[in-house]
Amino acid sequence: QVQLVESGGGLVQPEGSLRLSCAASGSINGIVMMGWYRQAPGKERELVASIGAGDNTNYADSVKGRFTISRDSSKNTVYLQMNSLKPEDTAVYYCNADSFDAYLRRYMYWGQGTQVTVSS
């Protein structure tokens, strides 16, 4: 079992910045990749950024150059630094952990979500 606790969301003006944090606990040794997803009202959930083996990263085209995903393994924490925020970034952001147990069964764990609102 993996637990994910998110923090850092809030209200910010356009061109502002926020840093989201996701702290993982439990059976963390089975996690092979972590990522951030977001979902705006009336829209489908989309992958924003992911980080895997060797700290290899992947980003949605809409956030490239503005967002940075990173992790601190010693703290079991993943971050999403969001700069130059735009109103269209407004969404609920979810932390995700892609994990396998000892029998190679795959589990997708999710945080509770944190609201990011970009508005004047």
C-alpha atoms as a PDB file:
ATOM      1  CA  GLN A   1       0.000   0.000   0.000  1.00  0.00           C
ATOM      2  CA  VAL A   2       1.225   3.463  -0.948  1.00  0.00           C
ATOM      3  CA  GLN A   3      -0.068   6.695   0.487  1.00  0.00           C
ATOM      4  CA  LEU A   4       0.405  10.008  -1.310  1.00  0.00           C
ATOM      5  CA  VAL A   5      -0.072  13.346   0.405  1.00  0.00           C
ATOM      6  CA  GLU A   6      -0.115  16.484  -1.728  1.00  0.00           C
ATOM      7  CA  SER A   7       0.369  20.100  -0.766  1.00  0.00           C
ATOM      8  CA  GLY A   8       1.154  23.474  -2.297  1.00  0.00           C
ATOM      9  CA  GLY A   9      -1.943  24.354  -4.289  1.00  0.00           C
ATOM     10  CA  GLY A  10      -3.696  27.685  -4.074  1.00  0.00           C
ATOM     11  CA  LEU A  11      -4.696  30.878  -5.843  1.00  0.00           C
ATOM     12  CA  VAL A  12      -2.054  32.661  -7.905  1.00  0.00           C
ATOM     13  CA  GLN A  13      -2.024  35.474 -10.456  1.00  0.00           C
ATOM     14  CA  PRO A  14      -1.075  34.916 -14.104  1.00  0.00           C
ATOM     15  CA  GLU A  15       2.712  34.739 -14.571  1.00  0.00           C
ATOM     16  CA  GLY A  16       3.042  33.674 -10.950  1.00  0.00           C
ATOM     17  CA  SER A  17       4.595  30.489  -9.561  1.00  0.00           C
ATOM     18  CA  LEU A  18       3.659  27.602  -7.309  1.00  0.00           C
ATOM     19  CA  ARG A  19       5.455  24.485  -6.146  1.00  0.00           C
ATOM     20  CA  LEU A  20       3.465  21.335  -5.501  1.00  0.00           C
ATOM     21  CA  SER A  21       4.780  18.604  -3.226  1.00  0.00           C
ATOM     22  CA  CYS A  22       3.835  14.931  -3.004  1.00  0.00           C
ATOM     23  CA  ALA A  23       5.120  12.851  -0.101  1.00  0.00           C
ATOM     24  CA  ALA A  24       4.979   9.066  -0.540  1.00  0.00           C
ATOM     25  CA  SER A  25       4.858   6.530   2.263  1.00  0.00           C
ATOM     26  CA  GLY A  26       4.176   2.821   2.675  1.00  0.00           C
ATOM     27  CA  SER A  27       5.465   0.285   0.135  1.00  0.00           C
ATOM     28  CA  ILE A  28       7.524   2.813  -1.764  1.00  0.00           C
ATOM     29  CA  ASN A  29      10.109   0.296  -3.040  1.00  0.00           C
ATOM     30  CA  GLY A  30       7.655  -0.921  -5.666  1.00  0.00           C
ATOM     31  CA  ILE A  31       7.187   2.496  -7.263  1.00  0.00           C
ATOM     32  CA  VAL A  32       8.685   2.653 -10.753  1.00  0.00           C
ATOM     33  CA  MET A  33       7.360   6.015 -11.915  1.00  0.00           C
ATOM     34  CA  MET A  34       5.625   9.023 -10.440  1.00  0.00           C
ATOM     35  CA  GLY A  35       3.767  11.816 -12.125  1.00  0.00           C
ATOM     36  CA  TRP A  36       1.411  14.734 -11.899  1.00  0.00           C
ATOM     37  CA  TYR A  37      -1.974  14.764 -13.605  1.00  0.00           C
ATOM     38  CA  ARG A  38      -4.551  17.514 -13.770  1.00  0.00           C
ATOM     39  CA  GLN A  39      -8.235  17.761 -14.525  1.00  0.00           C
ATOM     40  CA  ALA A  40     -10.169  20.935 -15.240  1.00  0.00           C
ATOM     41  CA  PRO A  41     -13.973  21.119 -15.038  1.00  0.00           C
ATOM     42  CA  GLY A  42     -15.553  19.600 -18.130  1.00  0.00           C
ATOM     43  CA  LYS A  43     -12.240  18.301 -19.455  1.00  0.00           C
ATOM     44  CA  GLU A  44     -10.466  14.961 -19.420  1.00  0.00           C
ATOM     45  CA  ARG A  45      -7.668  14.187 -17.014  1.00  0.00           C
ATOM     46  CA  GLU A  46      -4.270  14.695 -18.592  1.00  0.00           C
ATOM     47  CA  LEU A  47      -0.705  13.818 -17.723  1.00  0.00           C
ATOM     48  CA  VAL A  48       1.281  16.942 -16.924  1.00  0.00           C
ATOM     49  CA  ALA A  49       4.700  15.508 -16.082  1.00  0.00           C
ATOM     50  CA  SER A  50       6.300  12.236 -15.038  1.00  0.00           C
ATOM     51  CA  ILE A  51       9.626  11.105 -13.633  1.00  0.00           C
ATOM     52  CA  GLY A  52      11.035   7.586 -13.714  1.00  0.00           C
ATOM     53  CA  ALA A  53      14.228   5.554 -13.663  1.00  0.00           C
ATOM     54  CA  GLY A  54      17.371   7.601 -13.808  1.00  0.00           C
ATOM     55  CA  ASP A  55      15.271  10.730 -13.218  1.00  0.00           C
ATOM     56  CA  ASN A  56      14.085  10.586 -16.820  1.00  0.00           C
ATOM     57  CA  THR A  57      11.305  13.146 -17.258  1.00  0.00           C
ATOM     58  CA  ASN A  58       8.421  13.701 -19.632  1.00  0.00           C
ATOM     59  CA  TYR A  59       6.151  16.737 -20.034  1.00  0.00           C
ATOM     60  CA  ALA A  60       2.954  17.660 -21.761  1.00  0.00           C
ATOM     61  CA  ASP A  61       3.550  20.068 -24.633  1.00  0.00           C
ATOM     62  CA  SER A  62       1.404  22.695 -22.941  1.00  0.00           C
ATOM     63  CA  VAL A  63       3.752  22.975 -19.945  1.00  0.00           C
ATOM     64  CA  LYS A  64       7.191  22.446 -21.499  1.00  0.00           C
ATOM     65  CA  GLY A  65       9.565  25.206 -20.522  1.00  0.00           C
ATOM     66  CA  ARG A  66       7.336  26.338 -17.669  1.00  0.00           C
ATOM     67  CA  PHE A  67       6.972  23.319 -15.351  1.00  0.00           C
ATOM     68  CA  THR A  68       9.708  21.161 -13.837  1.00  0.00           C
ATOM     69  CA  ILE A  69       9.225  17.820 -12.100  1.00  0.00           C
ATOM     70  CA  SER A  70      11.860  16.608  -9.651  1.00  0.00           C
ATOM     71  CA  ARG A  71      12.256  14.298  -6.695  1.00  0.00           C
ATOM     72  CA  ASP A  72      14.168  14.009  -3.477  1.00  0.00           C
ATOM     73  CA  SER A  73      14.627  10.290  -2.849  1.00  0.00           C
ATOM     74  CA  SER A  74      15.883  10.829   0.687  1.00  0.00           C
ATOM     75  CA  LYS A  75      12.552  12.449   1.546  1.00  0.00           C
ATOM     76  CA  ASN A  76      10.381  10.208  -0.684  1.00  0.00           C
ATOM     77  CA  THR A  77       8.952  13.373  -2.162  1.00  0.00           C
ATOM     78  CA  VAL A  78       8.170  14.515  -5.709  1.00  0.00           C
ATOM     79  CA  TYR A  79       7.810  18.166  -6.651  1.00  0.00           C
ATOM     80  CA  LEU A  80       6.232  20.094  -9.475  1.00  0.00           C
ATOM     81  CA  GLN A  81       7.624  23.593  -9.900  1.00  0.00           C
ATOM     82  CA  MET A  82       5.155  25.659 -11.924  1.00  0.00           C
ATOM     83  CA  ASN A  83       6.331  28.970 -13.367  1.00  0.00           C
ATOM     84  CA  SER A  84       4.723  31.459 -15.747  1.00  0.00           C
ATOM     85  CA  LEU A  85       1.305  30.156 -14.828  1.00  0.00           C
ATOM     86  CA  LYS A  86      -1.612  30.775 -17.165  1.00  0.00           C
ATOM     87  CA  PRO A  87      -5.377  30.747 -16.532  1.00  0.00           C
ATOM     88  CA  GLU A  88      -5.628  27.545 -18.563  1.00  0.00           C
ATOM     89  CA  ASP A  89      -3.437  25.837 -15.955  1.00  0.00           C
ATOM     90  CA  THR A  90      -6.351  26.054 -13.524  1.00  0.00           C
ATOM     91  CA  ALA A  91      -7.265  22.515 -12.479  1.00  0.00           C
ATOM     92  CA  VAL A  92      -7.155  19.965  -9.707  1.00  0.00           C
ATOM     93  CA  TYR A  93      -3.677  18.466  -9.698  1.00  0.00           C
ATOM     94  CA  TYR A  94      -3.195  14.839  -8.662  1.00  0.00           C
ATOM     95  CA  CYS A  95      -0.018  13.049  -7.697  1.00  0.00           C
ATOM     96  CA  ASN A  96       0.303   9.535  -9.118  1.00  0.00           C
ATOM     97  CA  ALA A  97       2.525   6.556  -8.302  1.00  0.00           C
ATOM     98  CA  ASP A  98       2.884   3.650 -10.738  1.00  0.00           C
ATOM     99  CA  SER A  99       3.772   0.623  -8.620  1.00  0.00           C
ATOM    100  CA  PHE A 100       4.227  -3.154  -8.731  1.00  0.00           C
ATOM    101  CA  ASP A 101       3.909  -5.550  -5.812  1.00  0.00           C
ATOM    102  CA  ALA A 102       5.907  -8.742  -5.156  1.00  0.00           C
ATOM    103  CA  TYR A 103       3.680 -10.698  -7.576  1.00  0.00           C
ATOM    104  CA  LEU A 104       4.118  -8.107 -10.343  1.00  0.00           C
ATOM    105  CA  ARG A 105       0.585  -6.842  -9.996  1.00  0.00           C
ATOM    106  CA  ARG A 106       0.344  -3.230 -11.099  1.00  0.00           C
ATOM    107  CA  TYR A 107      -1.224  -0.557  -8.940  1.00  0.00           C
ATOM    108  CA  MET A 108      -1.885   3.082  -9.661  1.00  0.00           C
ATOM    109  CA  TYR A 109      -2.022   5.180  -6.509  1.00  0.00           C
ATOM    110  CA  TRP A 110      -3.441   8.668  -6.351  1.00  0.00           C
ATOM    111  CA  GLY A 111      -3.230  11.590  -3.999  1.00  0.00           C
ATOM    112  CA  GLN A 112      -6.311  13.426  -2.838  1.00  0.00           C
ATOM    113  CA  GLY A 113      -5.786  16.280  -5.296  1.00  0.00           C
ATOM    114  CA  THR A 114      -4.884  19.908  -4.753  1.00  0.00           C
ATOM    115  CA  GLN A 115      -6.620  22.859  -6.403  1.00  0.00           C
ATOM    116  CA  VAL A 116      -4.571  25.286  -8.475  1.00  0.00           C
ATOM    117  CA  THR A 117      -6.389  28.431  -9.577  1.00  0.00           C
ATOM    118  CA  VAL A 118      -4.714  30.995 -11.840  1.00  0.00           C
ATOM    119  CA  SER A 119      -6.724  34.202 -11.971  1.00  0.00           C
ATOM    120  CA  SER A 120      -6.434  37.960 -11.671  1.00  0.00           C
END
